[in-house]
C-alpha atoms as a PDB file:
ATOM      1  CA  MET A   1       4.139   0.224  -6.776  1.00  0.00           C
ATOM      2  CA  LYS A   2       3.494   1.671 -10.364  1.00  0.00           C
ATOM      3  CA  ILE A   3       3.149   4.530 -12.280  1.00  0.00           C
ATOM      4  CA  GLY A   4      -0.814   4.754 -14.246  1.00  0.00           C
ATOM      5  CA  ILE A   5      -2.789   6.380 -16.262  1.00  0.00           C
ATOM      6  CA  ASN A   6      -6.556   6.686 -16.871  1.00  0.00           C
ATOM      7  CA  LEU A   7      -7.885   5.558 -20.827  1.00  0.00           C
ATOM      8  CA  PRO A   8      -9.690   8.432 -21.670  1.00  0.00           C
ATOM      9  CA  PRO A   9     -13.458   7.799 -23.166  1.00  0.00           C
ATOM     10  CA  VAL A  10     -13.812   5.975 -25.600  1.00  0.00           C
ATOM     11  CA  THR A  11     -16.282   5.693 -28.857  1.00  0.00           C
ATOM     12  CA  ARG A  12     -14.759   2.446 -30.510  1.00  0.00           C
ATOM     13  CA  THR A  13     -13.221  -0.487 -29.538  1.00  0.00           C
ATOM     14  CA  GLU A  14     -10.166   0.524 -31.753  1.00  0.00           C
ATOM     15  CA  THR A  15     -10.066   3.567 -30.541  1.00  0.00           C
ATOM     16  CA  ALA A  16      -9.003   2.301 -26.944  1.00  0.00           C
ATOM     17  CA  THR A  17      -6.558  -0.247 -28.693  1.00  0.00           C
ATOM     18  CA  LYS A  18      -4.411   3.066 -30.174  1.00  0.00           C
ATOM     19  CA  TRP A  19      -3.923   4.554 -26.258  1.00  0.00           C
ATOM     20  CA  LEU A  20      -3.261   1.480 -25.135  1.00  0.00           C
ATOM     21  CA  SER A  21      -0.294   1.545 -27.085  1.00  0.00           C
ATOM     22  CA  GLU A  22       0.468   4.813 -26.768  1.00  0.00           C
ATOM     23  CA  PHE A  23       1.053   4.161 -22.836  1.00  0.00           C
ATOM     24  CA  ALA A  24       2.378   1.421 -22.955  1.00  0.00           C
ATOM     25  CA  ASP A  25       5.676   3.355 -25.209  1.00  0.00           C
ATOM     26  CA  ALA A  26       5.376   5.932 -22.769  1.00  0.00           C
ATOM     27  CA  GLY A  27       6.259   2.779 -19.869  1.00  0.00           C
ATOM     28  CA  TYR A  28       3.172   3.095 -17.433  1.00  0.00           C
ATOM     29  CA  GLN A  29       1.846   0.305 -15.814  1.00  0.00           C
ATOM     30  CA  ALA A  30      -1.590   0.065 -14.984  1.00  0.00           C
ATOM     31  CA  VAL A  31      -4.471   1.769 -16.718  1.00  0.00           C
ATOM     32  CA  GLU A  32      -8.359   2.395 -15.257  1.00  0.00           C
ATOM     33  CA  PHE A  33     -10.437   3.103 -17.121  1.00  0.00           C
ATOM     34  CA  ASP A  34     -14.828   3.975 -16.525  1.00  0.00           C
ATOM     35  CA  ALA A  35     -17.383   1.226 -16.126  1.00  0.00           C
ATOM     36  CA  ASP A  36     -20.053   3.676 -18.339  1.00  0.00           C
ATOM     37  CA  MET A  37     -16.786   3.453 -21.342  1.00  0.00           C
ATOM     38  CA  PHE A  38     -18.401   0.035 -22.473  1.00  0.00           C
ATOM     39  CA  PRO A  39     -21.782  -0.860 -22.377  1.00  0.00           C
ATOM     40  CA  LEU A  40     -21.011  -3.680 -19.813  1.00  0.00           C
ATOM     41  CA  ILE A  41     -24.575  -2.714 -18.040  1.00  0.00           C
ATOM     42  CA  THR A  42     -27.905  -1.862 -18.800  1.00  0.00           C
ATOM     43  CA  GLY A  43     -30.271  -1.248 -16.330  1.00  0.00           C
ATOM     44  CA  GLY A  44     -27.877  -2.386 -14.246  1.00  0.00           C
ATOM     45  CA  LYS A  45     -27.741  -5.925 -15.171  1.00  0.00           C
ATOM     46  CA  LEU A  46     -24.429  -6.991 -16.076  1.00  0.00           C
ATOM     47  CA  GLU A  47     -23.944  -7.364 -20.124  1.00  0.00           C
ATOM     48  CA  ARG A  48     -22.358 -10.836 -20.636  1.00  0.00           C
ATOM     49  CA  ARG A  49     -21.721 -10.380 -24.523  1.00  0.00           C
ATOM     50  CA  TRP A  50     -19.433  -7.509 -23.924  1.00  0.00           C
ATOM     51  CA  LEU A  51     -17.050  -9.111 -21.441  1.00  0.00           C
ATOM     52  CA  PRO A  52     -14.953 -10.676 -24.235  1.00  0.00           C
ATOM     53  CA  VAL A  53     -14.646  -8.984 -25.716  1.00  0.00           C
ATOM     54  CA  LEU A  54     -13.264  -6.072 -24.084  1.00  0.00           C
ATOM     55  CA  LYS A  55     -11.019  -8.993 -21.842  1.00  0.00           C
ATOM     56  CA  ASN A  56      -9.546  -9.373 -25.221  1.00  0.00           C
ATOM     57  CA  LEU A  57      -8.682  -5.643 -26.041  1.00  0.00           C
ATOM     58  CA  LEU A  58      -6.822  -5.188 -22.387  1.00  0.00           C
ATOM     59  CA  ALA A  59      -5.686  -9.042 -22.720  1.00  0.00           C
ATOM     60  CA  ASP A  60      -3.056  -7.206 -25.494  1.00  0.00           C
ATOM     61  CA  TYR A  61      -1.401  -5.281 -22.687  1.00  0.00           C
ATOM     62  CA  SER A  62       0.597  -6.150 -19.814  1.00  0.00           C
ATOM     63  CA  PHE A  63      -0.454  -3.473 -17.544  1.00  0.00           C
ATOM     64  CA  THR A  64      -2.194  -4.101 -14.077  1.00  0.00           C
ATOM     65  CA  TYR A  65      -5.278  -2.812 -15.139  1.00  0.00           C
ATOM     66  CA  THR A  66      -8.422  -0.880 -12.062  1.00  0.00           C
ATOM     67  CA  MET A  67     -11.959   0.339 -13.178  1.00  0.00           C
ATOM     68  CA  HIS A  68     -13.545   2.839 -12.377  1.00  0.00           C
ATOM     69  CA  ILE A  69     -17.891   2.488 -11.709  1.00  0.00           C
ATOM     70  CA  GLY A  70     -19.800   4.586 -13.833  1.00  0.00           C
ATOM     71  CA  TYR A  71     -20.505   8.055 -12.575  1.00  0.00           C
ATOM     72  CA  GLY A  72     -23.790   8.823 -11.096  1.00  0.00           C
ATOM     73  CA  ILE A  73     -23.954   5.381  -9.613  1.00  0.00           C
ATOM     74  CA  ASP A  74     -25.775   6.501  -6.462  1.00  0.00           C
ATOM     75  CA  LEU A  75     -26.273   4.904  -2.915  1.00  0.00           C
ATOM     76  CA  ARG A  76     -27.666   6.830  -0.905  1.00  0.00           C
ATOM     77  CA  SER A  77     -30.148   7.662  -3.330  1.00  0.00           C
ATOM     78  CA  ASP A  78     -34.300   6.915  -3.019  1.00  0.00           C
ATOM     79  CA  ASP A  79     -34.375   6.399  -6.540  1.00  0.00           C
ATOM     80  CA  ASP A  80     -34.162   3.231  -7.371  1.00  0.00           C
ATOM     81  CA  PHE A  81     -31.506   2.459  -4.211  1.00  0.00           C
ATOM     82  CA  ASP A  82     -31.865  -1.657  -5.638  1.00  0.00           C
ATOM     83  CA  THR A  83     -31.132  -0.475  -9.656  1.00  0.00           C
ATOM     84  CA  HIS A  84     -28.213   1.807  -8.146  1.00  0.00           C
ATOM     85  CA  LYS A  85     -26.932  -1.149  -6.028  1.00  0.00           C
ATOM     86  CA  ASN A  86     -27.271  -3.900  -8.881  1.00  0.00           C
ATOM     87  CA  THR A  87     -25.050  -1.624 -10.887  1.00  0.00           C
ATOM     88  CA  LEU A  88     -22.740  -2.063  -7.607  1.00  0.00           C
ATOM     89  CA  PHE A  89     -22.451  -5.716  -7.374  1.00  0.00           C
ATOM     90  CA  SER A  90     -22.499  -5.867 -11.608  1.00  0.00           C
ATOM     91  CA  SER A  91     -19.526  -3.511 -11.754  1.00  0.00           C
ATOM     92  CA  ILE A  92     -17.937  -5.868  -9.477  1.00  0.00           C
ATOM     93  CA  GLU A  93     -18.582  -8.902 -11.208  1.00  0.00           C
ATOM     94  CA  ALA A  94     -17.141  -6.570 -14.811  1.00  0.00           C
ATOM     95  CA  ALA A  95     -13.775  -5.881 -13.299  1.00  0.00           C
ATOM     96  CA  ALA A  96     -13.360  -9.111 -12.161  1.00  0.00           C
ATOM     97  CA  GLU A  97     -14.494 -11.253 -15.494  1.00  0.00           C
ATOM     98  CA  SER A  98     -12.440  -8.239 -17.638  1.00  0.00           C
ATOM     99  CA  GLY A  99      -9.306  -8.958 -15.350  1.00  0.00           C
ATOM    100  CA  CYS A 100      -9.222  -5.899 -13.402  1.00  0.00           C
ATOM    101  CA  VAL A 101      -7.157  -6.091  -9.930  1.00  0.00           C
ATOM    102  CA  LEU A 102      -9.434  -3.145  -7.775  1.00  0.00           C
ATOM    103  CA  LEU A 103     -13.047  -1.210  -8.767  1.00  0.00           C
ATOM    104  CA  ASN A 104     -12.419   2.874  -7.848  1.00  0.00           C
ATOM    105  CA  LEU A 105     -15.570   3.926  -5.795  1.00  0.00           C
ATOM    106  CA  HIS A 106     -17.161   7.805  -5.067  1.00  0.00           C
ATOM    107  CA  TYR A 107     -17.480   7.833  -1.544  1.00  0.00           C
ATOM    108  CA  GLU A 108     -19.518  11.632  -2.828  1.00  0.00           C
ATOM    109  CA  LYS A 109     -21.774  13.030   0.211  1.00  0.00           C
ATOM    110  CA  LYS A 110     -22.024  12.377   3.560  1.00  0.00           C
ATOM    111  CA  SER A 111     -26.070  12.753   4.336  1.00  0.00           C
ATOM    112  CA  SER A 112     -27.611  13.860   7.652  1.00  0.00           C
ATOM    113  CA  SER A 113     -30.003  11.075   7.497  1.00  0.00           C
ATOM    114  CA  SER A 114     -28.261   7.921   9.923  1.00  0.00           C
ATOM    115  CA  GLN A 115     -31.040   5.237   7.827  1.00  0.00           C
ATOM    116  CA  ILE A 116     -29.445   6.265   5.073  1.00  0.00           C
ATOM    117  CA  GLU A 117     -26.042   5.826   6.062  1.00  0.00           C
ATOM    118  CA  GLU A 118     -26.894   2.376   7.534  1.00  0.00           C
ATOM    119  CA  ARG A 119     -28.149   1.306   4.296  1.00  0.00           C
ATOM    120  CA  PHE A 120     -25.274   3.345   2.663  1.00  0.00           C
ATOM    121  CA  LEU A 121     -22.139   1.143   4.793  1.00  0.00           C
ATOM    122  CA  ASN A 122     -24.584  -2.007   5.494  1.00  0.00           C
ATOM    123  CA  ALA A 123     -24.238  -2.314   0.982  1.00  0.00           C
ATOM    124  CA  HIS A 124     -20.978  -1.311   0.922  1.00  0.00           C
ATOM    125  CA  ILE A 125     -20.565  -4.278   3.397  1.00  0.00           C
ATOM    126  CA  GLU A 126     -21.957  -6.555   1.866  1.00  0.00           C
ATOM    127  CA  ALA A 127     -20.030  -5.516  -1.844  1.00  0.00           C
ATOM    128  CA  ALA A 128     -16.912  -6.067  -0.561  1.00  0.00           C
ATOM    129  CA  ASP A 129     -17.651  -9.388   0.505  1.00  0.00           C
ATOM    130  CA  PHE A 130     -18.724 -10.261  -3.250  1.00  0.00           C
ATOM    131  CA  ALA A 131     -15.795  -8.079  -4.599  1.00  0.00           C
ATOM    132  CA  ALA A 132     -13.536 -10.698  -1.793  1.00  0.00           C
ATOM    133  CA  LYS A 133     -14.894 -13.322  -3.187  1.00  0.00           C
ATOM    134  CA  MET A 134     -13.493 -12.517  -6.860  1.00  0.00           C
ATOM    135  CA  GLY A 135      -9.942 -11.119  -6.253  1.00  0.00           C
ATOM    136  CA  ILE A 136     -11.415  -6.965  -6.641  1.00  0.00           C
ATOM    137  CA  THR A 137     -10.393  -4.171  -4.090  1.00  0.00           C
ATOM    138  CA  LEU A 138     -12.954  -2.005  -3.839  1.00  0.00           C
ATOM    139  CA  ALA A 139     -10.963   1.842  -3.001  1.00  0.00           C
ATOM    140  CA  ILE A 140     -13.174   4.547  -2.572  1.00  0.00           C
ATOM    141  CA  GLU A 141     -12.223   7.842  -3.269  1.00  0.00           C
ATOM    142  CA  ASN A 142     -12.249  11.659  -1.786  1.00  0.00           C
ATOM    143  CA  ILE A 143     -14.286  14.229  -3.228  1.00  0.00           C
ATOM    144  CA  GLU A 144     -13.410  18.058  -3.732  1.00  0.00           C
ATOM    145  CA  VAL A 145     -16.560  19.599  -1.079  1.00  0.00           C
ATOM    146  CA  GLU A 146     -15.971  17.697   1.652  1.00  0.00           C
ATOM    147  CA  TYR A 147     -12.791  16.317   4.291  1.00  0.00           C
ATOM    148  CA  ALA A 148     -11.597  13.456   3.847  1.00  0.00           C
ATOM    149  CA  ASP A 149     -12.154  12.247   7.119  1.00  0.00           C
ATOM    150  CA  PRO A 150     -15.338  10.518   6.724  1.00  0.00           C
ATOM    151  CA  VAL A 151     -14.001   8.777   3.828  1.00  0.00           C
ATOM    152  CA  ILE A 152     -11.344   7.442   6.207  1.00  0.00           C
ATOM    153  CA  GLU A 153     -14.178   6.931   9.569  1.00  0.00           C
ATOM    154  CA  PHE A 154     -16.046   5.253   6.504  1.00  0.00           C
ATOM    155  CA  VAL A 155     -13.457   2.777   5.719  1.00  0.00           C
ATOM    156  CA  LYS A 156     -12.245   1.429   8.878  1.00  0.00           C
ATOM    157  CA  LYS A 157     -16.729   0.570   9.525  1.00  0.00           C
ATOM    158  CA  VAL A 158     -16.649  -0.898   7.016  1.00  0.00           C
ATOM    159  CA  ASN A 159     -13.425  -3.239   7.926  1.00  0.00           C
ATOM    160  CA  ARG A 160     -12.756  -5.098   5.075  1.00  0.00           C
ATOM    161  CA  LYS A 161      -8.956  -6.131   3.704  1.00  0.00           C
ATOM    162  CA  ASN A 162     -10.369  -5.875   0.199  1.00  0.00           C
ATOM    163  CA  PHE A 163     -12.441  -1.755   1.290  1.00  0.00           C
ATOM    164  CA  VAL A 164      -9.232   0.430   0.682  1.00  0.00           C
ATOM    165  CA  LEU A 165      -8.968   4.311   0.997  1.00  0.00           C
ATOM    166  CA  ASN A 166      -8.193   5.828  -2.355  1.00  0.00           C
ATOM    167  CA  TYR A 167      -6.929   9.430  -1.946  1.00  0.00           C
ATOM    168  CA  ASP A 168      -7.882  11.796  -4.889  1.00  0.00           C
ATOM    169  CA  THR A 169      -4.410  14.593  -4.291  1.00  0.00           C
ATOM    170  CA  GLY A 170      -6.593  17.042  -7.355  1.00  0.00           C
ATOM    171  CA  HIS A 171     -10.301  17.120  -5.251  1.00  0.00           C
ATOM    172  CA  GLY A 172      -8.203  17.315  -1.273  1.00  0.00           C
ATOM    173  CA  PHE A 173      -6.647  19.626  -2.245  1.00  0.00           C
ATOM    174  CA  LEU A 174      -9.553  21.785  -3.473  1.00  0.00           C
ATOM    175  CA  ALA A 175     -11.457  20.299  -0.735  1.00  0.00           C
ATOM    176  CA  SER A 176      -8.495  21.908   1.119  1.00  0.00           C
ATOM    177  CA  SER A 177      -9.240  25.737  -0.135  1.00  0.00           C
ATOM    178  CA  PHE A 178     -12.394  25.619   0.618  1.00  0.00           C
ATOM    179  CA  ILE A 179     -13.676  24.413   3.594  1.00  0.00           C
ATOM    180  CA  GLY A 180     -10.219  25.408   5.495  1.00  0.00           C
ATOM    181  CA  PHE A 181      -7.872  22.576   6.294  1.00  0.00           C
ATOM    182  CA  ASP A 182      -4.647  21.429   6.473  1.00  0.00           C
ATOM    183  CA  TYR A 183      -4.381  19.616   2.978  1.00  0.00           C
ATOM    184  CA  LEU A 184      -1.477  17.928   4.202  1.00  0.00           C
ATOM    185  CA  ASP A 185      -2.102  16.699   7.901  1.00  0.00           C
ATOM    186  CA  SER A 186      -5.404  15.003   5.893  1.00  0.00           C
ATOM    187  CA  ILE A 187      -2.785  13.411   4.117  1.00  0.00           C
ATOM    188  CA  ARG A 188      -0.936  11.792   6.673  1.00  0.00           C
ATOM    189  CA  LYS A 189      -4.307  11.063   8.793  1.00  0.00           C
ATOM    190  CA  SER A 190      -4.747   8.315   5.584  1.00  0.00           C
ATOM    191  CA  ALA A 191      -2.047   7.224   5.046  1.00  0.00           C
ATOM    192  CA  PRO A 192      -2.618   4.438   6.592  1.00  0.00           C
ATOM    193  CA  LEU A 193      -5.948   3.043   4.898  1.00  0.00           C
ATOM    194  CA  LEU A 194      -4.553   3.955   1.295  1.00  0.00           C
ATOM    195  CA  GLY A 195      -4.569   1.771  -1.002  1.00  0.00           C
ATOM    196  CA  HIS A 196      -4.648   3.629  -4.355  1.00  0.00           C
ATOM    197  CA  LEU A 197      -3.694   7.750  -4.715  1.00  0.00           C
ATOM    198  CA  HIS A 198      -5.234   9.154  -7.537  1.00  0.00           C
ATOM    199  CA  ILE A 199      -2.946  12.070  -8.921  1.00  0.00           C
ATOM    200  CA  SER A 200      -3.858  15.388 -10.722  1.00  0.00           C
ATOM    201  CA  ASP A 201      -3.393  19.158 -11.073  1.00  0.00           C
ATOM    202  CA  ASN A 202      -5.027  21.988 -10.211  1.00  0.00           C
ATOM    203  CA  THR A 203      -4.524  25.842  -8.744  1.00  0.00           C
ATOM    204  CA  GLY A 204      -6.490  25.422  -5.701  1.00  0.00           C
ATOM    205  CA  ILE A 205      -8.992  27.765  -6.739  1.00  0.00           C
ATOM    206  CA  PHE A 206     -12.368  25.789  -5.562  1.00  0.00           C
ATOM    207  CA  GLU A 207     -14.988  26.833  -8.680  1.00  0.00           C
ATOM    208  CA  PRO A 208     -18.442  27.473  -6.715  1.00  0.00           C
ATOM    209  CA  LEU A 209     -20.942  26.652  -9.202  1.00  0.00           C
ATOM    210  CA  ARG A 210     -19.883  23.511  -7.939  1.00  0.00           C
ATOM    211  CA  ILE A 211     -21.928  23.269  -5.791  1.00  0.00           C
ATOM    212  CA  THR A 212     -24.981  26.411  -6.508  1.00  0.00           C
ATOM    213  CA  ASN A 213     -25.382  24.813  -9.808  1.00  0.00           C
ATOM    214  CA  ARG A 214     -23.339  21.282 -10.639  1.00  0.00           C
ATOM    215  CA  SER A 215     -25.294  20.660 -14.151  1.00  0.00           C
ATOM    216  CA  VAL A 216     -23.569  24.364 -15.274  1.00  0.00           C
ATOM    217  CA  TYR A 217     -20.477  23.500 -13.442  1.00  0.00           C
ATOM    218  CA  ASP A 218     -20.867  20.087 -15.285  1.00  0.00           C
ATOM    219  CA  SER A 219     -21.117  21.792 -19.104  1.00  0.00           C
ATOM    220  CA  LEU A 220     -18.400  24.706 -18.860  1.00  0.00           C
ATOM    221  CA  PRO A 221     -16.217  24.176 -21.229  1.00  0.00           C
ATOM    222  CA  MET A 222     -12.587  22.175 -20.746  1.00  0.00           C
ATOM    223  CA  GLY A 223     -10.412  25.184 -21.913  1.00  0.00           C
ATOM    224  CA  TYR A 224     -12.563  27.701 -20.544  1.00  0.00           C
ATOM    225  CA  ARG A 225     -11.983  26.229 -17.063  1.00  0.00           C
ATOM    226  CA  ILE A 226      -7.759  25.077 -17.192  1.00  0.00           C
ATOM    227  CA  ALA A 227      -7.596  28.786 -18.919  1.00  0.00           C
ATOM    228  CA  LEU A 228      -8.447  30.485 -16.089  1.00  0.00           C
ATOM    229  CA  GLY A 229      -7.636  27.515 -13.393  1.00  0.00           C
ATOM    230  CA  ARG A 230     -11.297  26.958 -12.261  1.00  0.00           C
ATOM    231  CA  GLY A 231     -12.043  24.094 -10.073  1.00  0.00           C
ATOM    232  CA  ASP A 232     -11.089  20.116 -10.933  1.00  0.00           C
ATOM    233  CA  ILE A 233      -9.110  20.676 -13.353  1.00  0.00           C
ATOM    234  CA  HIS A 234      -7.014  17.558 -13.831  1.00  0.00           C
ATOM    235  CA  ILE A 235      -3.892  19.061 -15.323  1.00  0.00           C
ATOM    236  CA  PRO A 236      -0.638  16.505 -15.370  1.00  0.00           C
ATOM    237  CA  PRO A 237       0.030  16.370 -11.973  1.00  0.00           C
ATOM    238  CA  LEU A 238       3.268  18.419 -11.518  1.00  0.00           C
ATOM    239  CA  TRP A 239       1.717  21.327 -13.756  1.00  0.00           C
ATOM    240  CA  GLY A 240      -0.097  22.633 -11.145  1.00  0.00           C
ATOM    241  CA  ARG A 241      -0.260  23.626  -6.929  1.00  0.00           C
ATOM    242  CA  ILE A 242      -0.101  20.798  -4.779  1.00  0.00           C
ATOM    243  CA  PRO A 243       2.787  20.407  -3.453  1.00  0.00           C
ATOM    244  CA  TYR A 244       3.693  17.053  -4.446  1.00  0.00           C
ATOM    245  CA  GLU A 245       6.959  16.629  -3.805  1.00  0.00           C
ATOM    246  CA  GLU A 246       5.606  17.606   0.189  1.00  0.00           C
ATOM    247  CA  ILE A 247       3.153  14.583  -0.421  1.00  0.00           C
ATOM    248  CA  PHE A 248       5.511  11.584  -1.564  1.00  0.00           C
ATOM    249  CA  LYS A 249       7.302  12.903   1.456  1.00  0.00           C
ATOM    250  CA  ILE A 250       4.727  11.595   3.518  1.00  0.00           C
ATOM    251  CA  LEU A 251       3.800   8.668   1.098  1.00  0.00           C
ATOM    252  CA  ASN A 252       7.448   7.204   1.084  1.00  0.00           C
ATOM    253  CA  ASN A 253       6.097   3.286   2.382  1.00  0.00           C
ATOM    254  CA  TYR A 254       2.599   3.229  -0.140  1.00  0.00           C
ATOM    255  CA  ASP A 255       3.571   0.507  -2.275  1.00  0.00           C
ATOM    256  CA  GLY A 256       0.208   0.141  -4.693  1.00  0.00           C
ATOM    257  CA  ILE A 257      -0.570   1.786  -8.064  1.00  0.00           C
ATOM    258  CA  VAL A 258      -0.081   5.774  -8.675  1.00  0.00           C
ATOM    259  CA  LEU A 259      -2.743   6.726 -11.412  1.00  0.00           C
ATOM    260  CA  CYS A 260      -1.784   9.542 -13.248  1.00  0.00           C
ATOM    261  CA  GLU A 261      -5.658  11.467 -13.675  1.00  0.00           C
ATOM    262  CA  PHE A 262      -5.524  13.637 -16.427  1.00  0.00           C
ATOM    263  CA  ASN A 263      -6.287  14.482 -19.908  1.00  0.00           C
ATOM    264  CA  ALA A 264      -4.068  12.375 -21.597  1.00  0.00           C
ATOM    265  CA  GLU A 265      -5.771  13.424 -25.468  1.00  0.00           C
ATOM    266  CA  LEU A 266      -5.295  17.690 -24.266  1.00  0.00           C
ATOM    267  CA  TYR A 267      -1.335  15.940 -23.000  1.00  0.00           C
ATOM    268  CA  ARG A 268      -0.175  13.911 -25.589  1.00  0.00           C
ATOM    269  CA  PRO A 269       3.059  15.276 -26.788  1.00  0.00           C
ATOM    270  CA  PHE A 270       4.070  14.658 -22.934  1.00  0.00           C
ATOM    271  CA  LEU A 271       2.783  11.516 -22.107  1.00  0.00           C
ATOM    272  CA  LYS A 272       6.061  10.386 -21.042  1.00  0.00           C
ATOM    273  CA  GLN A 273       7.993  13.481 -19.590  1.00  0.00           C
ATOM    274  CA  ILE A 274       5.266  12.794 -17.400  1.00  0.00           C
ATOM    275  CA  ARG A 275       6.045   9.725 -16.227  1.00  0.00           C
ATOM    276  CA  GLN A 276       8.975   9.986 -15.527  1.00  0.00           C
ATOM    277  CA  ASP A 277       9.031  13.029 -14.004  1.00  0.00           C
ATOM    278  CA  ILE A 278       6.865  11.736 -11.561  1.00  0.00           C
ATOM    279  CA  GLU A 279       9.054   8.362 -11.660  1.00  0.00           C
ATOM    280  CA  SER A 280      12.007  11.104 -10.807  1.00  0.00           C
ATOM    281  CA  LEU A 281       9.864  12.519  -8.191  1.00  0.00           C
ATOM    282  CA  ILE A 282       9.428   9.166  -6.541  1.00  0.00           C
ATOM    283  CA  ILE A 283      12.846   8.004  -6.302  1.00  0.00           C
ATOM    284  CA  LYS A 284      14.308  11.846  -5.373  1.00  0.00           C
ATOM    285  CA  THR A 285      12.006  11.436  -2.038  1.00  0.00           C
ATOM    286  CA  ARG A 286      12.205   8.241  -1.077  1.00  0.00           C
ATOM    287  CA  SER A 287      16.234   8.156  -1.405  1.00  0.00           C
ATOM    288  CA  GLN A 288      15.780  10.661   1.430  1.00  0.00           C
ATOM    289  CA  LYS A 289      14.345   8.768   3.957  1.00  0.00           C
END
C-alpha cells in the first residue's frame, strides 16, 4: 500500500515541479493529477505535443502516478456524446503515455433512462478493454449525493479485471448524512471491489446548494465553506469527523493507493505530518487484526 496526494491546480510546469519536490520530501509515494491541469486534450483529441513535456516532468520523481479525468466529462450527456467519449479514450491514452497506472472516473448520478444507462455501461466496457491493452486500470468513484450501491453494481456489470471501485470517503460521509444510510456498512460493501481510495475529511454537513444550484455551490469561497463546515471541503483526513480508525479496520486487507485528496496549498505546513498520521493509523489498525 502507498500513501499518495493530489497535485493542486498549477499554471506552470515549474510550479508542478516545486510541488512534486515538496511531496517527495514529505514522504508521499504516489501523486494524482487532473487530466485538464495540462492542455492534453482539445475537442476530444489527444494533444501529442504535450505528452513528452508531461512525461519528462513526471519522470524526475519516483512516484506512482494516477490521473483524474477532467471535470465535466459526462458519458450520460446527450450534448455531443461522441466528444465526451473521445475525451475519455484520449484520457486513457494520455495516462498510459505519461506513465500513470490508473485513471480515475466519476460515476455521477444514475439517470432514469434505461437507454442512457445502457449506453453509459457499453461505453465503459469498451473503455476498460481499450485501457487494458495499455496497462491502465480504470477506477470509478462515488459522489456525495448518491448511495455507493449503484457504483458497486456498475463495477460488477462492467466485469473487467482492470475496472475497479474508487471509494471516496469524503463523498460517502456526506451522502450518508444527506440520504441517511449506514456509512461504515457502505464501506464494507465496497471493500471487495476496491482498487483505489480517496481520503479527505469534512464535518458531515451537507450543503443543499450542491443539488439546488450547483453553479452557486461551486462559486462559494472555499474559506467560507471550511469555516462553516459546509459540503465537500476537502480538509486533510483526521482533521474532521470521518471515523478513519473504523474505516481502516474494515479495509485492513486493502493494498492499493491511499490517495490523500486535500487542498495542499491551504495545509502546506502539515504535509509530512498528515502523511505520518495516516501511515501510523493504518499500521495501528493492521496490528489489531
